[in-house]
Amino acid sequence: MLKGVNRQVVEVAETGSDYFEKALFFVNPKYYGMTDGKLRERAQSLMGSAGAPPRVRNIKKRSKVRVAIEIAASAAAGAILTLITSSIL
């Protein structure tokens, strides 16, 4: 989401990367006076040093049996707590 309308943005459509199609750079207000060519040149050099995105960790998938055991254990614990509290009252 962009806030405000007075933002200068440099769009790099050809990143030279298999991973990224397009990049947007939001220019710091103190550099608004720089020429478009200089800003694009700086953006291209940053894209060249970007490299590959970080690898996503695989979240360990739980087996259906384990999930069923966890649900059964939770239900049993709830039943035991209900029994204990109802016998006390």
PDB file of N, CA and C in Angstrom:
ATOM      1  N   MET A   1       0.835  -1.172   0.000  1.00  0.00           N
ATOM      2  CA  MET A   1       0.000   0.000   0.000  1.00  0.00           C
ATOM      3  C   MET A   1       0.878   1.233   0.000  1.00  0.00           C
ATOM      4  N   LEU A   2       0.583   2.153  -0.882  1.00  0.00           N
ATOM      5  CA  LEU A   2       1.306   3.415  -0.960  1.00  0.00           C
ATOM      6  C   LEU A   2       0.551   4.485  -0.202  1.00  0.00           C
ATOM      7  N   LYS A   3       1.265   5.190   0.629  1.00  0.00           N
ATOM      8  CA  LYS A   3       0.653   6.312   1.324  1.00  0.00           C
ATOM      9  C   LYS A   3       1.168   7.585   0.678  1.00  0.00           C
ATOM     10  N   GLY A   4       0.282   8.485   0.398  1.00  0.00           N
ATOM     11  CA  GLY A   4       0.690   9.735  -0.233  1.00  0.00           C
ATOM     12  C   GLY A   4       0.806   9.570  -1.734  1.00  0.00           C
ATOM     13  N   VAL A   5       0.880  10.694  -2.398  1.00  0.00           N
ATOM     14  CA  VAL A   5       0.954  10.652  -3.855  1.00  0.00           C
ATOM     15  C   VAL A   5       2.255  11.236  -4.377  1.00  0.00           C
ATOM     16  N   ASN A   6       3.063  11.782  -3.520  1.00  0.00           N
ATOM     17  CA  ASN A   6       4.301  12.426  -3.957  1.00  0.00           C
ATOM     18  C   ASN A   6       5.492  11.506  -3.769  1.00  0.00           C
ATOM     19  N   ARG A   7       5.411  10.336  -4.375  1.00  0.00           N
ATOM     20  CA  ARG A   7       6.503   9.371  -4.280  1.00  0.00           C
ATOM     21  C   ARG A   7       7.096   9.169  -5.665  1.00  0.00           C
ATOM     22  N   GLN A   8       8.413   9.125  -5.736  1.00  0.00           N
ATOM     23  CA  GLN A   8       9.065   8.837  -7.001  1.00  0.00           C
ATOM     24  C   GLN A   8       9.458   7.361  -6.980  1.00  0.00           C
ATOM     25  N   VAL A   9       9.061   6.648  -8.014  1.00  0.00           N
ATOM     26  CA  VAL A   9       9.290   5.209  -8.079  1.00  0.00           C
ATOM     27  C   VAL A   9      10.047   4.890  -9.357  1.00  0.00           C
ATOM     28  N   VAL A  10      11.041   4.008  -9.227  1.00  0.00           N
ATOM     29  CA  VAL A  10      11.763   3.503 -10.391  1.00  0.00           C
ATOM     30  C   VAL A  10      11.356   2.045 -10.562  1.00  0.00           C
ATOM     31  N   GLU A  11      10.822   1.716 -11.731  1.00  0.00           N
ATOM     32  CA  GLU A  11      10.412   0.354 -12.025  1.00  0.00           C
ATOM     33  C   GLU A  11      11.442  -0.278 -12.946  1.00  0.00           C
ATOM     34  N   VAL A  12      11.949  -1.425 -12.534  1.00  0.00           N
ATOM     35  CA  VAL A  12      12.887  -2.184 -13.362  1.00  0.00           C
ATOM     36  C   VAL A  12      12.132  -3.388 -13.880  1.00  0.00           C
ATOM     37  N   ALA A  13      11.817  -3.373 -15.179  1.00  0.00           N
ATOM     38  CA  ALA A  13      11.030  -4.455 -15.768  1.00  0.00           C
ATOM     39  C   ALA A  13      11.908  -5.622 -16.191  1.00  0.00           C
ATOM     40  N   GLU A  14      13.121  -5.364 -16.594  1.00  0.00           N
ATOM     41  CA  GLU A  14      14.032  -6.426 -17.025  1.00  0.00           C
ATOM     42  C   GLU A  14      15.095  -6.589 -15.956  1.00  0.00           C
ATOM     43  N   THR A  15      14.887  -7.553 -15.076  1.00  0.00           N
ATOM     44  CA  THR A  15      15.772  -7.715 -13.931  1.00  0.00           C
ATOM     45  C   THR A  15      17.004  -8.557 -14.243  1.00  0.00           C
ATOM     46  N   GLY A  16      16.943  -9.335 -15.300  1.00  0.00           N
ATOM     47  CA  GLY A  16      18.063 -10.216 -15.615  1.00  0.00           C
ATOM     48  C   GLY A  16      18.110 -11.427 -14.698  1.00  0.00           C
ATOM     49  N   SER A  17      17.021 -11.699 -14.020  1.00  0.00           N
ATOM     50  CA  SER A  17      16.960 -12.805 -13.077  1.00  0.00           C
ATOM     51  C   SER A  17      15.828 -13.742 -13.473  1.00  0.00           C
ATOM     52  N   ASP A  18      16.060 -15.024 -13.272  1.00  0.00           N
ATOM     53  CA  ASP A  18      15.006 -16.003 -13.513  1.00  0.00           C
ATOM     54  C   ASP A  18      13.945 -15.943 -12.419  1.00  0.00           C
ATOM     55  N   TYR A  19      14.324 -15.424 -11.265  1.00  0.00           N
ATOM     56  CA  TYR A  19      13.436 -15.427 -10.118  1.00  0.00           C
ATOM     57  C   TYR A  19      12.472 -14.241 -10.077  1.00  0.00           C
ATOM     58  N   PHE A  20      12.918 -13.090 -10.572  1.00  0.00           N
ATOM     59  CA  PHE A  20      12.142 -11.861 -10.434  1.00  0.00           C
ATOM     60  C   PHE A  20      11.764 -11.294 -11.794  1.00  0.00           C
ATOM     61  N   GLU A  21      10.489 -10.979 -11.976  1.00  0.00           N
ATOM     62  CA  GLU A  21      10.007 -10.386 -13.218  1.00  0.00           C
ATOM     63  C   GLU A  21      10.196  -8.878 -13.226  1.00  0.00           C
ATOM     64  N   LYS A  22       9.909  -8.265 -12.091  1.00  0.00           N
ATOM     65  CA  LYS A  22       9.871  -6.816 -12.028  1.00  0.00           C
ATOM     66  C   LYS A  22      10.258  -6.382 -10.615  1.00  0.00           C
ATOM     67  N   ALA A  23      10.869  -5.200 -10.506  1.00  0.00           N
ATOM     68  CA  ALA A  23      11.221  -4.659  -9.194  1.00  0.00           C
ATOM     69  C   ALA A  23      10.824  -3.194  -9.141  1.00  0.00           C
ATOM     70  N   LEU A  24      10.356  -2.772  -7.972  1.00  0.00           N
ATOM     71  CA  LEU A  24      10.008  -1.377  -7.750  1.00  0.00           C
ATOM     72  C   LEU A  24      10.932  -0.810  -6.687  1.00  0.00           C
ATOM     73  N   PHE A  25      11.516   0.344  -6.969  1.00  0.00           N
ATOM     74  CA  PHE A  25      12.381   1.029  -6.030  1.00  0.00           C
ATOM     75  C   PHE A  25      11.743   2.372  -5.691  1.00  0.00           C
ATOM     76  N   PHE A  26      11.540   2.628  -4.423  1.00  0.00           N
ATOM     77  CA  PHE A  26      10.981   3.892  -3.977  1.00  0.00           C
ATOM     78  C   PHE A  26      12.152   4.806  -3.631  1.00  0.00           C
ATOM     79  N   VAL A  27      12.226   5.927  -4.321  1.00  0.00           N
ATOM     80  CA  VAL A  27      13.364   6.828  -4.209  1.00  0.00           C
ATOM     81  C   VAL A  27      13.250   7.646  -2.929  1.00  0.00           C
ATOM     82  N   ASN A  28      14.361   7.734  -2.225  1.00  0.00           N
ATOM     83  CA  ASN A  28      14.464   8.565  -1.037  1.00  0.00           C
ATOM     84  C   ASN A  28      14.263  10.024  -1.456  1.00  0.00           C
ATOM     85  N   PRO A  29      13.440  10.790  -0.734  1.00  0.00           N
ATOM     86  CA  PRO A  29      13.156  12.177  -1.147  1.00  0.00           C
ATOM     87  C   PRO A  29      14.398  13.048  -1.347  1.00  0.00           C
ATOM     88  N   LYS A  30      15.473  12.779  -0.649  1.00  0.00           N
ATOM     89  CA  LYS A  30      16.664  13.618  -0.827  1.00  0.00           C
ATOM     90  C   LYS A  30      17.359  13.375  -2.168  1.00  0.00           C
ATOM     91  N   TYR A  31      16.950  12.328  -2.898  1.00  0.00           N
ATOM     92  CA  TYR A  31      17.537  12.044  -4.213  1.00  0.00           C
ATOM     93  C   TYR A  31      16.570  12.310  -5.350  1.00  0.00           C
ATOM     94  N   TYR A  32      15.480  13.012  -5.094  1.00  0.00           N
ATOM     95  CA  TYR A  32      14.513  13.318  -6.146  1.00  0.00           C
ATOM     96  C   TYR A  32      15.128  14.131  -7.276  1.00  0.00           C
ATOM     97  N   GLY A  33      16.161  14.880  -7.018  1.00  0.00           N
ATOM     98  CA  GLY A  33      16.773  15.722  -8.040  1.00  0.00           C
ATOM     99  C   GLY A  33      17.678  14.971  -9.000  1.00  0.00           C
ATOM    100  N   MET A  34      18.003  13.727  -8.706  1.00  0.00           N
ATOM    101  CA  MET A  34      18.893  12.956  -9.582  1.00  0.00           C
ATOM    102  C   MET A  34      18.194  12.685 -10.909  1.00  0.00           C
ATOM    103  N   THR A  35      18.994  12.533 -11.938  1.00  0.00           N
ATOM    104  CA  THR A  35      18.422  12.254 -13.252  1.00  0.00           C
ATOM    105  C   THR A  35      17.835  10.840 -13.277  1.00  0.00           C
ATOM    106  N   ASP A  36      16.897  10.654 -14.180  1.00  0.00           N
ATOM    107  CA  ASP A  36      16.256   9.359 -14.328  1.00  0.00           C
ATOM    108  C   ASP A  36      17.278   8.286 -14.690  1.00  0.00           C
ATOM    109  N   GLY A  37      18.213   8.639 -15.538  1.00  0.00           N
ATOM    110  CA  GLY A  37      19.239   7.680 -15.957  1.00  0.00           C
ATOM    111  C   GLY A  37      20.088   7.207 -14.792  1.00  0.00           C
ATOM    112  N   LYS A  38      20.483   8.133 -13.909  1.00  0.00           N
ATOM    113  CA  LYS A  38      21.307   7.766 -12.745  1.00  0.00           C
ATOM    114  C   LYS A  38      20.524   6.858 -11.797  1.00  0.00           C
ATOM    115  N   LEU A  39      19.245   7.192 -11.586  1.00  0.00           N
ATOM    116  CA  LEU A  39      18.427   6.365 -10.701  1.00  0.00           C
ATOM    117  C   LEU A  39      18.237   4.963 -11.280  1.00  0.00           C
ATOM    118  N   ARG A  40      17.982   4.876 -12.579  1.00  0.00           N
ATOM    119  CA  ARG A  40      17.823   3.566 -13.220  1.00  0.00           C
ATOM    120  C   ARG A  40      19.121   2.765 -13.172  1.00  0.00           C
ATOM    121  N   GLU A  41      20.241   3.458 -13.367  1.00  0.00           N
ATOM    122  CA  GLU A  41      21.541   2.782 -13.322  1.00  0.00           C
ATOM    123  C   GLU A  41      21.785   2.191 -11.937  1.00  0.00           C
ATOM    124  N   ARG A  42      21.477   2.968 -10.909  1.00  0.00           N
ATOM    125  CA  ARG A  42      21.658   2.492  -9.533  1.00  0.00           C
ATOM    126  C   ARG A  42      20.709   1.320  -9.231  1.00  0.00           C
ATOM    127  N   ALA A  43      19.478   1.415  -9.710  1.00  0.00           N
ATOM    128  CA  ALA A  43      18.508   0.337  -9.501  1.00  0.00           C
ATOM    129  C   ALA A  43      18.967  -0.947 -10.200  1.00  0.00           C
ATOM    130  N   GLN A  44      19.490  -0.814 -11.421  1.00  0.00           N
ATOM    131  CA  GLN A  44      19.978  -1.992 -12.159  1.00  0.00           C
ATOM    132  C   GLN A  44      21.152  -2.635 -11.425  1.00  0.00           C
ATOM    133  N   SER A  45      22.051  -1.817 -10.867  1.00  0.00           N
ATOM    134  CA  SER A  45      23.199  -2.396 -10.163  1.00  0.00           C
ATOM    135  C   SER A  45      22.736  -3.126  -8.897  1.00  0.00           C
ATOM    136  N   LEU A  46      21.722  -2.593  -8.237  1.00  0.00           N
ATOM    137  CA  LEU A  46      21.188  -3.289  -7.065  1.00  0.00           C
ATOM    138  C   LEU A  46      20.533  -4.600  -7.462  1.00  0.00           C
ATOM    139  N   MET A  47      19.830  -4.612  -8.590  1.00  0.00           N
ATOM    140  CA  MET A  47      19.201  -5.846  -9.061  1.00  0.00           C
ATOM    141  C   MET A  47      20.248  -6.897  -9.402  1.00  0.00           C
ATOM    142  N   GLY A  48      21.367  -6.442  -9.951  1.00  0.00           N
ATOM    143  CA  GLY A  48      22.428  -7.383 -10.297  1.00  0.00           C
ATOM    144  C   GLY A  48      23.024  -8.070  -9.084  1.00  0.00           C
ATOM    145  N   SER A  49      23.001  -7.390  -7.948  1.00  0.00           N
ATOM    146  CA  SER A  49      23.569  -7.971  -6.737  1.00  0.00           C
ATOM    147  C   SER A  49      22.530  -8.662  -5.870  1.00  0.00           C
ATOM    148  N   ALA A  50      21.280  -8.702  -6.331  1.00  0.00           N
ATOM    149  CA  ALA A  50      20.209  -9.278  -5.513  1.00  0.00           C
ATOM    150  C   ALA A  50      20.358 -10.787  -5.354  1.00  0.00           C
ATOM    151  N   GLY A  51      20.705 -11.498  -6.401  1.00  0.00           N
ATOM    152  CA  GLY A  51      20.852 -12.945  -6.309  1.00  0.00           C
ATOM    153  C   GLY A  51      19.516 -13.661  -6.218  1.00  0.00           C
ATOM    154  N   ALA A  52      19.577 -14.896  -5.787  1.00  0.00           N
ATOM    155  CA  ALA A  52      18.380 -15.737  -5.687  1.00  0.00           C
ATOM    156  C   ALA A  52      17.647 -15.449  -4.379  1.00  0.00           C
ATOM    157  N   PRO A  53      16.338 -15.647  -4.369  1.00  0.00           N
ATOM    158  CA  PRO A  53      15.599 -15.471  -3.124  1.00  0.00           C
ATOM    159  C   PRO A  53      15.973 -16.560  -2.131  1.00  0.00           C
ATOM    160  N   PRO A  54      15.771 -16.312  -0.837  1.00  0.00           N
ATOM    161  CA  PRO A  54      16.116 -17.341   0.150  1.00  0.00           C
ATOM    162  C   PRO A  54      15.232 -18.569  -0.012  1.00  0.00           C
ATOM    163  N   ARG A  55      15.786 -19.707   0.350  1.00  0.00           N
ATOM    164  CA  ARG A  55      15.033 -20.954   0.258  1.00  0.00           C
ATOM    165  C   ARG A  55      13.971 -20.983   1.340  1.00  0.00           C
ATOM    166  N   VAL A  56      12.841 -21.552   1.011  1.00  0.00           N
ATOM    167  CA  VAL A  56      11.751 -21.681   1.961  1.00  0.00           C
ATOM    168  C   VAL A  56      11.927 -22.996   2.700  1.00  0.00           C
ATOM    169  N   ARG A  57      11.839 -22.907   4.015  1.00  0.00           N
ATOM    170  CA  ARG A  57      11.964 -24.136   4.801  1.00  0.00           C
ATOM    171  C   ARG A  57      10.709 -24.977   4.632  1.00  0.00           C
ATOM    172  N   ASN A  58      10.907 -26.253   4.488  1.00  0.00           N
ATOM    173  CA  ASN A  58       9.769 -27.161   4.419  1.00  0.00           C
ATOM    174  C   ASN A  58       9.263 -27.421   5.831  1.00  0.00           C
ATOM    175  N   ILE A  59       8.002 -27.163   6.032  1.00  0.00           N
ATOM    176  CA  ILE A  59       7.409 -27.453   7.327  1.00  0.00           C
ATOM    177  C   ILE A  59       7.115 -28.943   7.368  1.00  0.00           C
ATOM    178  N   LYS A  60       7.548 -29.574   8.435  1.00  0.00           N
ATOM    179  CA  LYS A  60       7.368 -31.012   8.553  1.00  0.00           C
ATOM    180  C   LYS A  60       5.882 -31.333   8.588  1.00  0.00           C
ATOM    181  N   LYS A  61       5.463 -32.155   7.673  1.00  0.00           N
ATOM    182  CA  LYS A  61       4.058 -32.552   7.621  1.00  0.00           C
ATOM    183  C   LYS A  61       3.817 -33.675   8.613  1.00  0.00           C
ATOM    184  N   ARG A  62       2.707 -33.531   9.332  1.00  0.00           N
ATOM    185  CA  ARG A  62       2.347 -34.574  10.287  1.00  0.00           C
ATOM    186  C   ARG A  62       1.491 -35.609   9.571  1.00  0.00           C
ATOM    187  N   SER A  63       1.721 -36.852   9.921  1.00  0.00           N
ATOM    188  CA  SER A  63       0.936 -37.921   9.300  1.00  0.00           C
ATOM    189  C   SER A  63      -0.488 -37.895   9.851  1.00  0.00           C
ATOM    190  N   LYS A  64      -1.398 -38.484   9.115  1.00  0.00           N
ATOM    191  CA  LYS A  64      -2.800 -38.528   9.528  1.00  0.00           C
ATOM    192  C   LYS A  64      -2.960 -39.306  10.826  1.00  0.00           C
ATOM    193  N   VAL A  65      -2.146 -40.341  11.004  1.00  0.00           N
ATOM    194  CA  VAL A  65      -2.224 -41.144  12.225  1.00  0.00           C
ATOM    195  C   VAL A  65      -1.823 -40.291  13.428  1.00  0.00           C
ATOM    196  N   ARG A  66      -0.763 -39.521  13.272  1.00  0.00           N
ATOM    197  CA  ARG A  66      -0.302 -38.673  14.374  1.00  0.00           C
ATOM    198  C   ARG A  66      -1.361 -37.620  14.720  1.00  0.00           C
ATOM    199  N   VAL A  67      -1.968 -37.030  13.713  1.00  0.00           N
ATOM    200  CA  VAL A  67      -3.012 -36.038  13.952  1.00  0.00           C
ATOM    201  C   VAL A  67      -4.186 -36.685  14.678  1.00  0.00           C
ATOM    202  N   ALA A  68      -4.573 -37.890  14.275  1.00  0.00           N
ATOM    203  CA  ALA A  68      -5.675 -38.598  14.924  1.00  0.00           C
ATOM    204  C   ALA A  68      -5.347 -38.897  16.384  1.00  0.00           C
ATOM    205  N   ILE A  69      -4.115 -39.304  16.656  1.00  0.00           N
ATOM    206  CA  ILE A  69      -3.690 -39.581  18.033  1.00  0.00           C
ATOM    207  C   ILE A  69      -3.732 -38.307  18.875  1.00  0.00           C
ATOM    208  N   GLU A  70      -3.257 -37.188  18.293  1.00  0.00           N
ATOM    209  CA  GLU A  70      -3.264 -35.913  19.028  1.00  0.00           C
ATOM    210  C   GLU A  70      -4.696 -35.469  19.345  1.00  0.00           C
ATOM    211  N   ILE A  71      -5.605 -35.639  18.401  1.00  0.00           N
ATOM    212  CA  ILE A  71      -7.006 -35.270  18.633  1.00  0.00           C
ATOM    213  C   ILE A  71      -7.617 -36.166  19.709  1.00  0.00           C
ATOM    214  N   ALA A  72      -7.345 -37.462  19.626  1.00  0.00           N
ATOM    215  CA  ALA A  72      -7.881 -38.398  20.618  1.00  0.00           C
ATOM    216  C   ALA A  72      -7.321 -38.089  22.008  1.00  0.00           C
ATOM    217  N   ALA A  73      -6.044 -37.781  22.088  1.00  0.00           N
ATOM    218  CA  ALA A  73      -5.431 -37.455  23.375  1.00  0.00           C
ATOM    219  C   ALA A  73      -6.020 -36.171  23.946  1.00  0.00           C
ATOM    220  N   SER A  74      -6.265 -35.192  23.092  1.00  0.00           N
ATOM    221  CA  SER A  74      -6.871 -33.935  23.546  1.00  0.00           C
ATOM    222  C   SER A  74      -8.290 -34.175  24.040  1.00  0.00           C
ATOM    223  N   ALA A  75      -9.044 -34.976  23.328  1.00  0.00           N
ATOM    224  CA  ALA A  75     -10.412 -35.291  23.741  1.00  0.00           C
ATOM    225  C   ALA A  75     -10.412 -36.048  25.060  1.00  0.00           C
ATOM    226  N   ALA A  76      -9.498 -36.988  25.216  1.00  0.00           N
ATOM    227  CA  ALA A  76      -9.411 -37.755  26.463  1.00  0.00           C
ATOM    228  C   ALA A  76      -9.043 -36.842  27.622  1.00  0.00           C
ATOM    229  N   ALA A  77      -8.087 -35.942  27.400  1.00  0.00           N
ATOM    230  CA  ALA A  77      -7.690 -35.009  28.455  1.00  0.00           C
ATOM    231  C   ALA A  77      -8.863 -34.107  28.844  1.00  0.00           C
ATOM    232  N   GLY A  78      -9.615 -33.648  27.856  1.00  0.00           N
ATOM    233  CA  GLY A  78     -10.790 -32.824  28.136  1.00  0.00           C
ATOM    234  C   GLY A  78     -11.832 -33.588  28.913  1.00  0.00           C
ATOM    235  N   ALA A  79     -12.053 -34.849  28.563  1.00  0.00           N
ATOM    236  CA  ALA A  79     -13.033 -35.680  29.264  1.00  0.00           C
ATOM    237  C   ALA A  79     -12.604 -35.919  30.705  1.00  0.00           C
ATOM    238  N   ILE A  80     -11.330 -36.165  30.912  1.00  0.00           N
ATOM    239  CA  ILE A  80     -10.815 -36.397  32.273  1.00  0.00           C
ATOM    240  C   ILE A  80     -10.962 -35.135  33.118  1.00  0.00           C
ATOM    241  N   LEU A  81     -10.608 -34.000  32.550  1.00  0.00           N
ATOM    242  CA  LEU A  81     -10.750 -32.742  33.290  1.00  0.00           C
ATOM    243  C   LEU A  81     -12.215 -32.461  33.618  1.00  0.00           C
ATOM    244  N   THR A  82     -13.102 -32.730  32.681  1.00  0.00           N
ATOM    245  CA  THR A  82     -14.542 -32.544  32.936  1.00  0.00           C
ATOM    246  C   THR A  82     -15.011 -33.457  34.044  1.00  0.00           C
ATOM    247  N   LEU A  83     -14.578 -34.698  34.044  1.00  0.00           N
ATOM    248  CA  LEU A  83     -14.953 -35.660  35.081  1.00  0.00           C
ATOM    249  C   LEU A  83     -14.458 -35.215  36.446  1.00  0.00           C
ATOM    250  N   ILE A  84     -13.206 -34.773  36.480  1.00  0.00           N
ATOM    251  CA  ILE A  84     -12.608 -34.341  37.754  1.00  0.00           C
ATOM    252  C   ILE A  84     -13.341 -33.121  38.304  1.00  0.00           C
ATOM    253  N   THR A  85     -13.563 -32.125  37.448  1.00  0.00           N
ATOM    254  CA  THR A  85     -14.201 -30.901  37.923  1.00  0.00           C
ATOM    255  C   THR A  85     -15.669 -31.134  38.296  1.00  0.00           C
ATOM    256  N   SER A  86     -16.349 -32.031  37.599  1.00  0.00           N
ATOM    257  CA  SER A  86     -17.758 -32.286  37.921  1.00  0.00           C
ATOM    258  C   SER A  86     -17.887 -33.102  39.203  1.00  0.00           C
ATOM    259  N   SER A  87     -16.910 -33.949  39.499  1.00  0.00           N
ATOM    260  CA  SER A  87     -16.969 -34.736  40.741  1.00  0.00           C
ATOM    261  C   SER A  87     -16.611 -33.881  41.944  1.00  0.00           C
ATOM    262  N   ILE A  88     -15.826 -32.841  41.746  1.00  0.00           N
ATOM    263  CA  ILE A  88     -15.437 -31.949  42.839  1.00  0.00           C
ATOM    264  C   ILE A  88     -16.620 -31.066  43.214  1.00  0.00           C
ATOM    265  N   LEU A  89     -17.347 -30.611  42.210  1.00  0.00           N
ATOM    266  CA  LEU A  89     -18.475 -29.704  42.481  1.00  0.00           C
ATOM    267  C   LEU A  89     -19.615 -30.509  42.940  1.00  0.00           C
TER     268      LEU A  89
END
